[in-house]
Amino acid sequence: MADPVGTDPGPDRHAVPIRWYRAVPGVGTPGGPTLLWLHGGGFFRGGLDQPEAHDVARSLAAQGVTVATVDYRLAPVPGTGWATSRPRYPAPLDDVLAAYHEVHAASPGGVVLGGASAGACLAAAATLRATDEGVPPVGAVFAYGFFHATHPRSRDTRLRSRRHRRITHAPWALDVMNRNYAGSRGALADRLAFPGGHEVGAFPRTLVVNAEHDNMRASGDLFAAELAAAGIDVEHHVLAGTRHAFLNRPGLEAFGTTIALTAAWCQRGTVR
């Protein structure tokens, strides 16, 4: 079901690995869009084999959605930039756009851009950039994503991260992660680094699925509200009792719920 390929880099260009998961024949709606799906990991970790990429794509293909995942370049681990050659923004976004153009050319039903966590931020940025380039996606899907250069703070303690993530996902730590990815104050303010708080009126229809107890939810909820205020067709769900990164645990009920929501939402968009 998975078919690993890569873009032709051409001279002096970076090859972008793409892994295809073809929709199971006879399931879902034929001719639907391809979901170009991006894993999370704070911009500095993750890959095609983690459940948030592989298991999500395989499960969606079993429900009739063709999926392509992208092994975009990763930023340095925060605090180690001086000791590594890993690139920062916009290199990961460049990789996503290169993959998007290849997937778009092979997808008569159009492309939905989607991702989880940092992958959702990259997917939102790629949506804006592809639209700027005149080849807009037909939809966007975001799972527990964050979209703002500075993470909004929630006053409701019931909605915050719990256990060890109270520390690892503290808003100040998330802000450090964002600055690490951006690499400069100017990049941090760029709409193509963090689309939250910028003009989003050209966005396509969007599905947002957030975790209930998650410090990143404040940004995800706010971005969904920004899209809705701009007149975008937004379907927004908050899954009760969930925590960040539940798509990395395929055995959870929330994993199956999100797969079902995403498959149904993608297939509803096939009639255009």
Foldseek 3Di string as FASTA:
>chain_A
DKDWDWDDQPPPGDIKIKIKQAADPPAFDPQFAEEEEEEDDLQADDACPFLQHPVLQNLLSPRGHIYMYIGFFGFHDQPCNVPDPGDAPPRSLVSSLSVQVVRQVVRPNFYEYEYEALSRQSSLLNQVVCVVVVRHTQEYEYEQYAFALQQDFDPDQQQAADDPCVPCVPRVNSNSSSCRRQVDPVSSPDCSSGVPPHDDLVHHAYEYEHERHYSRVSRSVSRLVVCVVSVYNYHYYYDPPGYGPCSSPCVDPVVVVVSVVVSVVSSVSSPD
